[in-house]
């Protein structure tokens, strides 16, 4: 049960294999239930959950910790932001990010 993110009405949701299989109106006080809606997309993230995306020693495990923290707070995706820095430092950070993507 939850509150529809668009209408605010109470809805009952059914899942099958981790996928929403049905949504239907329900009776009751919607105020007593959490909102249910699409996740958010954060267009500028410098870090999260104790992880600084500017850290030159950042690891894949750090990124996973940050991503899980963002997800737990309703963020379904983000764009990592590199803060302006010395040109060589920025390129080193960018190369590290590229290597993470290439390894996936």
PDB file of N, CA and C in Angstrom:
ATOM      1  N   UNK A   1       0.858  -1.171   0.000  1.00  0.00           N
ATOM      2  CA  UNK A   1       0.000   0.000   0.000  1.00  0.00           C
ATOM      3  C   UNK A   1       0.903   1.232   0.000  1.00  0.00           C
ATOM      4  N   UNK A   2       0.433   2.271  -0.652  1.00  0.00           N
ATOM      5  CA  UNK A   2       1.179   3.518  -0.681  1.00  0.00           C
ATOM      6  C   UNK A   2       0.352   4.619  -1.302  1.00  0.00           C
ATOM      7  N   UNK A   3       0.935   5.792  -1.275  1.00  0.00           N
ATOM      8  CA  UNK A   3       0.300   6.978  -1.831  1.00  0.00           C
ATOM      9  C   UNK A   3       0.810   7.219  -3.238  1.00  0.00           C
ATOM     10  N   UNK A   4      -0.083   7.279  -4.200  1.00  0.00           N
ATOM     11  CA  UNK A   4       0.303   7.495  -5.588  1.00  0.00           C
ATOM     12  C   UNK A   4       1.030   8.830  -5.728  1.00  0.00           C
ATOM     13  N   UNK A   5       2.198   8.801  -6.361  1.00  0.00           N
ATOM     14  CA  UNK A   5       3.020   9.995  -6.506  1.00  0.00           C
ATOM     15  C   UNK A   5       2.409  11.085  -7.352  1.00  0.00           C
ATOM     16  N   UNK A   6       1.459  10.759  -8.213  1.00  0.00           N
ATOM     17  CA  UNK A   6       0.824  11.767  -9.061  1.00  0.00           C
ATOM     18  C   UNK A   6      -0.485  12.273  -8.490  1.00  0.00           C
ATOM     19  N   UNK A   7      -1.309  11.360  -8.000  1.00  0.00           N
ATOM     20  CA  UNK A   7      -2.648  11.764  -7.554  1.00  0.00           C
ATOM     21  C   UNK A   7      -2.759  11.944  -6.045  1.00  0.00           C
ATOM     22  N   UNK A   8      -1.866  11.314  -5.289  1.00  0.00           N
ATOM     23  CA  UNK A   8      -1.952  11.358  -3.839  1.00  0.00           C
ATOM     24  C   UNK A   8      -2.942  10.361  -3.250  1.00  0.00           C
ATOM     25  N   UNK A   9      -3.619   9.604  -4.116  1.00  0.00           N
ATOM     26  CA  UNK A   9      -4.600   8.614  -3.638  1.00  0.00           C
ATOM     27  C   UNK A   9      -3.898   7.366  -3.122  1.00  0.00           C
ATOM     28  N   UNK A  10      -4.597   6.616  -2.278  1.00  0.00           N
ATOM     29  CA  UNK A  10      -4.073   5.366  -1.757  1.00  0.00           C
ATOM     30  C   UNK A  10      -4.163   4.293  -2.841  1.00  0.00           C
ATOM     31  N   UNK A  11      -3.077   3.550  -3.024  1.00  0.00           N
ATOM     32  CA  UNK A  11      -3.052   2.478  -4.023  1.00  0.00           C
ATOM     33  C   UNK A  11      -2.469   1.209  -3.401  1.00  0.00           C
ATOM     34  N   UNK A  12      -2.870   0.097  -3.970  1.00  0.00           N
ATOM     35  CA  UNK A  12      -2.333  -1.208  -3.597  1.00  0.00           C
ATOM     36  C   UNK A  12      -1.487  -1.668  -4.780  1.00  0.00           C
ATOM     37  N   UNK A  13      -0.291  -2.125  -4.485  1.00  0.00           N
ATOM     38  CA  UNK A  13       0.639  -2.522  -5.537  1.00  0.00           C
ATOM     39  C   UNK A  13       0.985  -3.990  -5.378  1.00  0.00           C
ATOM     40  N   UNK A  14       1.043  -4.709  -6.490  1.00  0.00           N
ATOM     41  CA  UNK A  14       1.457  -6.100  -6.483  1.00  0.00           C
ATOM     42  C   UNK A  14       2.756  -6.265  -7.259  1.00  0.00           C
ATOM     43  N   UNK A  15       3.622  -7.151  -6.782  1.00  0.00           N
ATOM     44  CA  UNK A  15       4.898  -7.420  -7.428  1.00  0.00           C
ATOM     45  C   UNK A  15       4.959  -8.871  -7.869  1.00  0.00           C
ATOM     46  N   UNK A  16       5.714  -9.087  -8.938  1.00  0.00           N
ATOM     47  CA  UNK A  16       6.017 -10.438  -9.380  1.00  0.00           C
ATOM     48  C   UNK A  16       7.456 -10.414  -9.889  1.00  0.00           C
ATOM     49  N   UNK A  17       8.292 -11.228  -9.273  1.00  0.00           N
ATOM     50  CA  UNK A  17       9.718 -11.293  -9.638  1.00  0.00           C
ATOM     51  C   UNK A  17      10.384  -9.920  -9.588  1.00  0.00           C
ATOM     52  N   UNK A  18      10.035  -9.129  -8.573  1.00  0.00           N
ATOM     53  CA  UNK A  18      10.664  -7.830  -8.379  1.00  0.00           C
ATOM     54  C   UNK A  18      10.160  -6.728  -9.292  1.00  0.00           C
ATOM     55  N   UNK A  19       9.123  -6.993 -10.062  1.00  0.00           N
ATOM     56  CA  UNK A  19       8.574  -6.010 -11.002  1.00  0.00           C
ATOM     57  C   UNK A  19       7.121  -5.733 -10.628  1.00  0.00           C
ATOM     58  N   UNK A  20       6.727  -4.477 -10.672  1.00  0.00           N
ATOM     59  CA  UNK A  20       5.336  -4.127 -10.370  1.00  0.00           C
ATOM     60  C   UNK A  20       4.445  -4.792 -11.404  1.00  0.00           C
ATOM     61  N   UNK A  21       3.507  -5.597 -10.920  1.00  0.00           N
ATOM     62  CA  UNK A  21       2.619  -6.323 -11.832  1.00  0.00           C
ATOM     63  C   UNK A  21       1.209  -5.734 -11.850  1.00  0.00           C
ATOM     64  N   UNK A  22       0.841  -4.991 -10.795  1.00  0.00           N
ATOM     65  CA  UNK A  22      -0.481  -4.348 -10.793  1.00  0.00           C
ATOM     66  C   UNK A  22      -0.502  -3.195  -9.805  1.00  0.00           C
ATOM     67  N   UNK A  23      -1.335  -2.222 -10.122  1.00  0.00           N
ATOM     68  CA  UNK A  23      -1.615  -1.102  -9.224  1.00  0.00           C
ATOM     69  C   UNK A  23      -3.108  -0.850  -9.292  1.00  0.00           C
ATOM     70  N   UNK A  24      -3.730  -0.741  -8.129  1.00  0.00           N
ATOM     71  CA  UNK A  24      -5.168  -0.507  -8.093  1.00  0.00           C
ATOM     72  C   UNK A  24      -5.496   0.427  -6.937  1.00  0.00           C
ATOM     73  N   UNK A  25      -6.583   1.143  -7.074  1.00  0.00           N
ATOM     74  CA  UNK A  25      -7.044   2.038  -6.011  1.00  0.00           C
ATOM     75  C   UNK A  25      -7.378   1.232  -4.769  1.00  0.00           C
ATOM     76  N   UNK A  26      -7.204   1.860  -3.611  1.00  0.00           N
ATOM     77  CA  UNK A  26      -7.517   1.203  -2.339  1.00  0.00           C
ATOM     78  C   UNK A  26      -8.251   2.189  -1.443  1.00  0.00           C
ATOM     79  N   UNK A  27      -8.978   1.642  -0.490  1.00  0.00           N
ATOM     80  CA  UNK A  27      -9.689   2.468   0.482  1.00  0.00           C
ATOM     81  C   UNK A  27      -8.810   2.667   1.707  1.00  0.00           C
ATOM     82  N   UNK A  28      -8.925   3.817   2.314  1.00  0.00           N
ATOM     83  CA  UNK A  28      -8.173   4.104   3.522  1.00  0.00           C
ATOM     84  C   UNK A  28      -7.588   5.506   3.474  1.00  0.00           C
ATOM     85  N   UNK A  29      -6.885   5.847   4.514  1.00  0.00           N
ATOM     86  CA  UNK A  29      -6.283   7.166   4.646  1.00  0.00           C
ATOM     87  C   UNK A  29      -4.905   7.184   3.988  1.00  0.00           C
ATOM     88  N   UNK A  30      -4.748   7.877   2.861  1.00  0.00           N
ATOM     89  CA  UNK A  30      -3.449   7.890   2.194  1.00  0.00           C
ATOM     90  C   UNK A  30      -2.353   8.532   3.042  1.00  0.00           C
ATOM     91  N   UNK A  31      -2.736   9.411   3.966  1.00  0.00           N
ATOM     92  CA  UNK A  31      -1.749  10.086   4.814  1.00  0.00           C
ATOM     93  C   UNK A  31      -0.962   9.101   5.679  1.00  0.00           C
ATOM     94  N   UNK A  32      -1.517   7.920   5.910  1.00  0.00           N
ATOM     95  CA  UNK A  32      -0.874   6.933   6.773  1.00  0.00           C
ATOM     96  C   UNK A  32       0.172   6.098   6.037  1.00  0.00           C
ATOM     97  N   UNK A  33       0.368   6.360   4.734  1.00  0.00           N
ATOM     98  CA  UNK A  33       1.258   5.538   3.926  1.00  0.00           C
ATOM     99  C   UNK A  33       2.311   6.398   3.227  1.00  0.00           C
ATOM    100  N   UNK A  34       3.442   5.774   2.851  1.00  0.00           N
ATOM    101  CA  UNK A  34       4.499   6.535   2.160  1.00  0.00           C
ATOM    102  C   UNK A  34       4.121   6.833   0.706  1.00  0.00           C
ATOM    103  N   UNK A  35       4.753   7.863   0.170  1.00  0.00           N
ATOM    104  CA  UNK A  35       4.587   8.195  -1.245  1.00  0.00           C
ATOM    105  C   UNK A  35       5.283   7.137  -2.083  1.00  0.00           C
ATOM    106  N   UNK A  36       4.700   6.803  -3.215  1.00  0.00           N
ATOM    107  CA  UNK A  36       5.302   5.871  -4.165  1.00  0.00           C
ATOM    108  C   UNK A  36       5.359   6.577  -5.513  1.00  0.00           C
ATOM    109  N   UNK A  37       6.586   6.743  -6.006  1.00  0.00           N
ATOM    110  CA  UNK A  37       6.763   7.465  -7.269  1.00  0.00           C
ATOM    111  C   UNK A  37       8.077   7.061  -7.917  1.00  0.00           C
ATOM    112  N   UNK A  38       8.307   7.567  -9.096  1.00  0.00           N
ATOM    113  CA  UNK A  38       9.556   7.301  -9.812  1.00  0.00           C
ATOM    114  C   UNK A  38      10.723   7.861  -9.029  1.00  0.00           C
ATOM    115  N   UNK A  39      11.872   7.262  -9.224  1.00  0.00           N
ATOM    116  CA  UNK A  39      13.075   7.754  -8.547  1.00  0.00           C
ATOM    117  C   UNK A  39      13.511   9.083  -9.164  1.00  0.00           C
ATOM    118  N   UNK A  40      14.395   9.751  -8.468  1.00  0.00           N
ATOM    119  CA  UNK A  40      14.904  11.046  -8.901  1.00  0.00           C
ATOM    120  C   UNK A  40      16.209  10.875  -9.672  1.00  0.00           C
ATOM    121  N   UNK A  41      16.552  11.865 -10.475  1.00  0.00           N
ATOM    122  CA  UNK A  41      17.828  11.925 -11.181  1.00  0.00           C
ATOM    123  C   UNK A  41      18.529  13.184 -10.710  1.00  0.00           C
ATOM    124  N   UNK A  42      19.670  13.037 -10.080  1.00  0.00           N
ATOM    125  CA  UNK A  42      20.441  14.182  -9.582  1.00  0.00           C
ATOM    126  C   UNK A  42      21.475  14.549 -10.643  1.00  0.00           C
ATOM    127  N   UNK A  43      21.400  15.762 -11.137  1.00  0.00           N
ATOM    128  CA  UNK A  43      22.242  16.183 -12.264  1.00  0.00           C
ATOM    129  C   UNK A  43      23.617  16.700 -11.863  1.00  0.00           C
ATOM    130  N   UNK A  44      23.901  16.786 -10.560  1.00  0.00           N
ATOM    131  CA  UNK A  44      25.217  17.254 -10.130  1.00  0.00           C
ATOM    132  C   UNK A  44      25.527  16.673  -8.762  1.00  0.00           C
ATOM    133  N   UNK A  45      26.374  15.655  -8.731  1.00  0.00           N
ATOM    134  CA  UNK A  45      26.732  15.009  -7.476  1.00  0.00           C
ATOM    135  C   UNK A  45      28.251  15.053  -7.315  1.00  0.00           C
ATOM    136  N   UNK A  46      28.685  15.630  -6.207  1.00  0.00           N
ATOM    137  CA  UNK A  46      30.122  15.716  -5.913  1.00  0.00           C
ATOM    138  C   UNK A  46      30.586  14.573  -5.018  1.00  0.00           C
ATOM    139  N   UNK A  47      29.620  13.845  -4.467  1.00  0.00           N
ATOM    140  CA  UNK A  47      29.914  12.730  -3.579  1.00  0.00           C
ATOM    141  C   UNK A  47      28.684  12.434  -2.738  1.00  0.00           C
ATOM    142  N   UNK A  48      28.749  11.332  -1.992  1.00  0.00           N
ATOM    143  CA  UNK A  48      27.620  10.969  -1.130  1.00  0.00           C
ATOM    144  C   UNK A  48      28.046   9.837  -0.213  1.00  0.00           C
ATOM    145  N   UNK A  49      27.392   9.746   0.931  1.00  0.00           N
ATOM    146  CA  UNK A  49      27.585   8.626   1.850  1.00  0.00           C
ATOM    147  C   UNK A  49      29.040   8.491   2.294  1.00  0.00           C
ATOM    148  N   UNK A  50      29.690   9.645   2.518  1.00  0.00           N
ATOM    149  CA  UNK A  50      31.088   9.646   2.950  1.00  0.00           C
ATOM    150  C   UNK A  50      32.091   9.466   1.828  1.00  0.00           C
ATOM    151  N   UNK A  51      31.628   9.462   0.595  1.00  0.00           N
ATOM    152  CA  UNK A  51      32.505   9.275  -0.561  1.00  0.00           C
ATOM    153  C   UNK A  51      32.643  10.614  -1.289  1.00  0.00           C
ATOM    154  N   UNK A  52      33.880  11.040  -1.489  1.00  0.00           N
ATOM    155  CA  UNK A  52      34.172  12.276  -2.213  1.00  0.00           C
ATOM    156  C   UNK A  52      34.584  11.902  -3.637  1.00  0.00           C
ATOM    157  N   UNK A  53      33.790  12.288  -4.609  1.00  0.00           N
ATOM    158  CA  UNK A  53      34.085  11.943  -5.996  1.00  0.00           C
ATOM    159  C   UNK A  53      35.341  12.638  -6.523  1.00  0.00           C
ATOM    160  N   UNK A  54      35.882  13.595  -5.777  1.00  0.00           N
ATOM    161  CA  UNK A  54      37.101  14.291  -6.188  1.00  0.00           C
ATOM    162  C   UNK A  54      38.367  13.568  -5.714  1.00  0.00           C
ATOM    163  N   UNK A  55      38.211  12.547  -4.889  1.00  0.00           N
ATOM    164  CA  UNK A  55      39.337  11.813  -4.328  1.00  0.00           C
ATOM    165  C   UNK A  55      40.053  11.046  -5.436  1.00  0.00           C
ATOM    166  N   UNK A  56      41.349  11.300  -5.603  1.00  0.00           N
ATOM    167  CA  UNK A  56      42.102  10.632  -6.674  1.00  0.00           C
ATOM    168  C   UNK A  56      42.268   9.131  -6.397  1.00  0.00           C
ATOM    169  N   UNK A  57      42.061   8.713  -5.144  1.00  0.00           N
ATOM    170  CA  UNK A  57      42.204   7.295  -4.786  1.00  0.00           C
ATOM    171  C   UNK A  57      40.851   6.600  -4.665  1.00  0.00           C
ATOM    172  N   UNK A  58      39.811   7.190  -5.231  1.00  0.00           N
ATOM    173  CA  UNK A  58      38.476   6.599  -5.139  1.00  0.00           C
ATOM    174  C   UNK A  58      38.480   5.197  -5.755  1.00  0.00           C
ATOM    175  N   UNK A  59      37.710   4.306  -5.170  1.00  0.00           N
ATOM    176  CA  UNK A  59      37.659   2.920  -5.653  1.00  0.00           C
ATOM    177  C   UNK A  59      36.249   2.585  -6.144  1.00  0.00           C
ATOM    178  N   UNK A  60      36.143   1.471  -6.822  1.00  0.00           N
ATOM    179  CA  UNK A  60      34.835   0.998  -7.277  1.00  0.00           C
ATOM    180  C   UNK A  60      33.939   0.731  -6.068  1.00  0.00           C
ATOM    181  N   UNK A  61      34.520   0.207  -4.989  1.00  0.00           N
ATOM    182  CA  UNK A  61      33.748  -0.044  -3.767  1.00  0.00           C
ATOM    183  C   UNK A  61      33.198   1.262  -3.190  1.00  0.00           C
ATOM    184  N   UNK A  62      34.000   2.331  -3.253  1.00  0.00           N
ATOM    185  CA  UNK A  62      33.520   3.648  -2.805  1.00  0.00           C
ATOM    186  C   UNK A  62      32.317   4.078  -3.635  1.00  0.00           C
ATOM    187  N   UNK A  63      32.424   3.906  -4.942  1.00  0.00           N
ATOM    188  CA  UNK A  63      31.330   4.300  -5.837  1.00  0.00           C
ATOM    189  C   UNK A  63      30.075   3.493  -5.554  1.00  0.00           C
ATOM    190  N   UNK A  64      30.237   2.213  -5.296  1.00  0.00           N
ATOM    191  CA  UNK A  64      29.081   1.371  -4.980  1.00  0.00           C
ATOM    192  C   UNK A  64      28.429   1.826  -3.677  1.00  0.00           C
ATOM    193  N   UNK A  65      29.241   2.193  -2.666  1.00  0.00           N
ATOM    194  CA  UNK A  65      28.689   2.676  -1.402  1.00  0.00           C
ATOM    195  C   UNK A  65      27.907   3.969  -1.614  1.00  0.00           C
ATOM    196  N   UNK A  66      28.462   4.867  -2.414  1.00  0.00           N
ATOM    197  CA  UNK A  66      27.769   6.128  -2.709  1.00  0.00           C
ATOM    198  C   UNK A  66      26.476   5.861  -3.480  1.00  0.00           C
ATOM    199  N   UNK A  67      26.541   4.990  -4.482  1.00  0.00           N
ATOM    200  CA  UNK A  67      25.363   4.701  -5.309  1.00  0.00           C
ATOM    201  C   UNK A  67      24.261   4.048  -4.485  1.00  0.00           C
ATOM    202  N   UNK A  68      24.612   3.122  -3.613  1.00  0.00           N
ATOM    203  CA  UNK A  68      23.602   2.487  -2.762  1.00  0.00           C
ATOM    204  C   UNK A  68      22.976   3.489  -1.810  1.00  0.00           C
ATOM    205  N   UNK A  69      23.785   4.403  -1.276  1.00  0.00           N
ATOM    206  CA  UNK A  69      23.243   5.445  -0.408  1.00  0.00           C
ATOM    207  C   UNK A  69      22.287   6.360  -1.149  1.00  0.00           C
ATOM    208  N   UNK A  70      22.658   6.756  -2.356  1.00  0.00           N
ATOM    209  CA  UNK A  70      21.778   7.590  -3.169  1.00  0.00           C
ATOM    210  C   UNK A  70      20.467   6.857  -3.466  1.00  0.00           C
ATOM    211  N   UNK A  71      20.590   5.590  -3.821  1.00  0.00           N
ATOM    212  CA  UNK A  71      19.406   4.792  -4.137  1.00  0.00           C
ATOM    213  C   UNK A  71      18.470   4.694  -2.936  1.00  0.00           C
ATOM    214  N   UNK A  72      19.026   4.508  -1.753  1.00  0.00           N
ATOM    215  CA  UNK A  72      18.212   4.396  -0.542  1.00  0.00           C
ATOM    216  C   UNK A  72      17.474   5.699  -0.223  1.00  0.00           C
ATOM    217  N   UNK A  73      17.945   6.801  -0.801  1.00  0.00           N
ATOM    218  CA  UNK A  73      17.291   8.094  -0.599  1.00  0.00           C
ATOM    219  C   UNK A  73      16.442   8.509  -1.797  1.00  0.00           C
ATOM    220  N   UNK A  74      16.123   7.560  -2.693  1.00  0.00           N
ATOM    221  CA  UNK A  74      15.204   7.821  -3.791  1.00  0.00           C
ATOM    222  C   UNK A  74      15.839   8.333  -5.064  1.00  0.00           C
ATOM    223  N   UNK A  75      17.171   8.288  -5.132  1.00  0.00           N
ATOM    224  CA  UNK A  75      17.865   8.748  -6.338  1.00  0.00           C
ATOM    225  C   UNK A  75      18.179   7.533  -7.205  1.00  0.00           C
ATOM    226  N   UNK A  76      17.585   7.472  -8.379  1.00  0.00           N
ATOM    227  CA  UNK A  76      17.776   6.338  -9.266  1.00  0.00           C
ATOM    228  C   UNK A  76      18.930   6.498 -10.236  1.00  0.00           C
ATOM    229  N   UNK A  77      19.496   7.693 -10.303  1.00  0.00           N
ATOM    230  CA  UNK A  77      20.626   7.947 -11.193  1.00  0.00           C
ATOM    231  C   UNK A  77      21.239   9.289 -10.891  1.00  0.00           C
ATOM    232  N   UNK A  78      22.482   9.456 -11.289  1.00  0.00           N
ATOM    233  CA  UNK A  78      23.139  10.742 -11.054  1.00  0.00           C
ATOM    234  C   UNK A  78      24.223  10.980 -12.097  1.00  0.00           C
ATOM    235  N   UNK A  79      24.594  12.217 -12.222  1.00  0.00           N
ATOM    236  CA  UNK A  79      25.725  12.598 -13.059  1.00  0.00           C
ATOM    237  C   UNK A  79      26.836  13.068 -12.119  1.00  0.00           C
ATOM    238  N   UNK A  80      27.945  12.383 -12.169  1.00  0.00           N
ATOM    239  CA  UNK A  80      29.081  12.724 -11.324  1.00  0.00           C
ATOM    240  C   UNK A  80      29.681  14.041 -11.799  1.00  0.00           C
ATOM    241  N   UNK A  81      30.000  14.898 -10.844  1.00  0.00           N
ATOM    242  CA  UNK A  81      30.589  16.200 -11.162  1.00  0.00           C
ATOM    243  C   UNK A  81      32.030  16.233 -10.690  1.00  0.00           C
ATOM    244  N   UNK A  82      32.920  16.614 -11.577  1.00  0.00           N
ATOM    245  CA  UNK A  82      34.299  16.885 -11.185  1.00  0.00           C
ATOM    246  C   UNK A  82      34.437  18.396 -10.987  1.00  0.00           C
ATOM    247  N   UNK A  83      34.904  18.777  -9.813  1.00  0.00           N
ATOM    248  CA  UNK A  83      35.057  20.193  -9.480  1.00  0.00           C
ATOM    249  C   UNK A  83      36.314  20.738 -10.158  1.00  0.00           C
ATOM    250  N   UNK A  84      36.224  21.978 -10.604  1.00  0.00           N
ATOM    251  CA  UNK A  84      37.351  22.631 -11.258  1.00  0.00           C
ATOM    252  C   UNK A  84      38.596  22.523 -10.392  1.00  0.00           C
ATOM    253  N   UNK A  85      39.703  22.143 -11.018  1.00  0.00           N
ATOM    254  CA  UNK A  85      40.956  21.896 -10.322  1.00  0.00           C
ATOM    255  C   UNK A  85      42.079  22.162 -11.307  1.00  0.00           C
ATOM    256  N   UNK A  86      43.288  21.927 -10.886  1.00  0.00           N
ATOM    257  CA  UNK A  86      44.431  21.975 -11.781  1.00  0.00           C
ATOM    258  C   UNK A  86      44.144  21.030 -12.957  1.00  0.00           C
ATOM    259  N   UNK A  87      44.503  21.455 -14.156  1.00  0.00           N
ATOM    260  CA  UNK A  87      44.179  20.698 -15.360  1.00  0.00           C
ATOM    261  C   UNK A  87      44.661  19.245 -15.275  1.00  0.00           C
ATOM    262  N   UNK A  88      45.912  19.035 -14.847  1.00  0.00           N
ATOM    263  CA  UNK A  88      46.447  17.676 -14.758  1.00  0.00           C
ATOM    264  C   UNK A  88      45.682  16.846 -13.728  1.00  0.00           C
ATOM    265  N   UNK A  89      45.299  17.464 -12.622  1.00  0.00           N
ATOM    266  CA  UNK A  89      44.535  16.758 -11.585  1.00  0.00           C
ATOM    267  C   UNK A  89      43.156  16.354 -12.112  1.00  0.00           C
ATOM    268  N   UNK A  90      42.510  17.257 -12.841  1.00  0.00           N
ATOM    269  CA  UNK A  90      41.198  16.936 -13.409  1.00  0.00           C
ATOM    270  C   UNK A  90      41.303  15.800 -14.413  1.00  0.00           C
ATOM    271  N   UNK A  91      42.342  15.839 -15.257  1.00  0.00           N
ATOM    272  CA  UNK A  91      42.519  14.768 -16.241  1.00  0.00           C
ATOM    273  C   UNK A  91      42.796  13.429 -15.565  1.00  0.00           C
ATOM    274  N   UNK A  92      43.564  13.437 -14.485  1.00  0.00           N
ATOM    275  CA  UNK A  92      43.840  12.195 -13.757  1.00  0.00           C
ATOM    276  C   UNK A  92      42.546  11.619 -13.180  1.00  0.00           C
ATOM    277  N   UNK A  93      41.711  12.485 -12.609  1.00  0.00           N
ATOM    278  CA  UNK A  93      40.424  12.016 -12.064  1.00  0.00           C
ATOM    279  C   UNK A  93      39.544  11.466 -13.184  1.00  0.00           C
ATOM    280  N   UNK A  94      39.502  12.169 -14.292  1.00  0.00           N
ATOM    281  CA  UNK A  94      38.681  11.730 -15.418  1.00  0.00           C
ATOM    282  C   UNK A  94      39.171  10.391 -15.970  1.00  0.00           C
ATOM    283  N   UNK A  95      40.474  10.231 -16.071  1.00  0.00           N
ATOM    284  CA  UNK A  95      41.011   8.944 -16.540  1.00  0.00           C
ATOM    285  C   UNK A  95      40.601   7.807 -15.616  1.00  0.00           C
ATOM    286  N   UNK A  96      40.606   8.073 -14.321  1.00  0.00           N
ATOM    287  CA  UNK A  96      40.207   7.039 -13.362  1.00  0.00           C
ATOM    288  C   UNK A  96      38.744   6.654 -13.573  1.00  0.00           C
ATOM    289  N   UNK A  97      37.883   7.656 -13.760  1.00  0.00           N
ATOM    290  CA  UNK A  97      36.465   7.383 -13.999  1.00  0.00           C
ATOM    291  C   UNK A  97      36.274   6.598 -15.292  1.00  0.00           C
ATOM    292  N   UNK A  98      37.014   6.965 -16.325  1.00  0.00           N
ATOM    293  CA  UNK A  98      36.926   6.252 -17.602  1.00  0.00           C
ATOM    294  C   UNK A  98      37.349   4.798 -17.425  1.00  0.00           C
ATOM    295  N   UNK A  99      38.387   4.570 -16.635  1.00  0.00           N
ATOM    296  CA  UNK A  99      38.847   3.190 -16.414  1.00  0.00           C
ATOM    297  C   UNK A  99      37.777   2.381 -15.677  1.00  0.00           C
ATOM    298  N   UNK A 100      37.062   3.003 -14.743  1.00  0.00           N
ATOM    299  CA  UNK A 100      35.974   2.287 -14.058  1.00  0.00           C
ATOM    300  C   UNK A 100      34.905   1.859 -15.060  1.00  0.00           C
ATOM    301  N   UNK A 101      34.570   2.752 -15.969  1.00  0.00           N
ATOM    302  CA  UNK A 101      33.538   2.439 -16.965  1.00  0.00           C
ATOM    303  C   UNK A 101      34.020   1.349 -17.915  1.00  0.00           C
ATOM    304  N   UNK A 102      35.291   1.395 -18.284  1.00  0.00           N
ATOM    305  CA  UNK A 102      35.842   0.403 -19.222  1.00  0.00           C
ATOM    306  C   UNK A 102      35.875  -0.981 -18.595  1.00  0.00           C
ATOM    307  N   UNK A 103      36.022  -1.037 -17.259  1.00  0.00           N
ATOM    308  CA  UNK A 103      36.086  -2.325 -16.559  1.00  0.00           C
ATOM    309  C   UNK A 103      34.726  -2.979 -16.407  1.00  0.00           C
ATOM    310  N   UNK A 104      33.659  -2.249 -16.664  1.00  0.00           N
ATOM    311  CA  UNK A 104      32.295  -2.788 -16.481  1.00  0.00           C
ATOM    312  C   UNK A 104      31.779  -3.437 -17.715  1.00  0.00           C
TER     313      UNK A 104
END
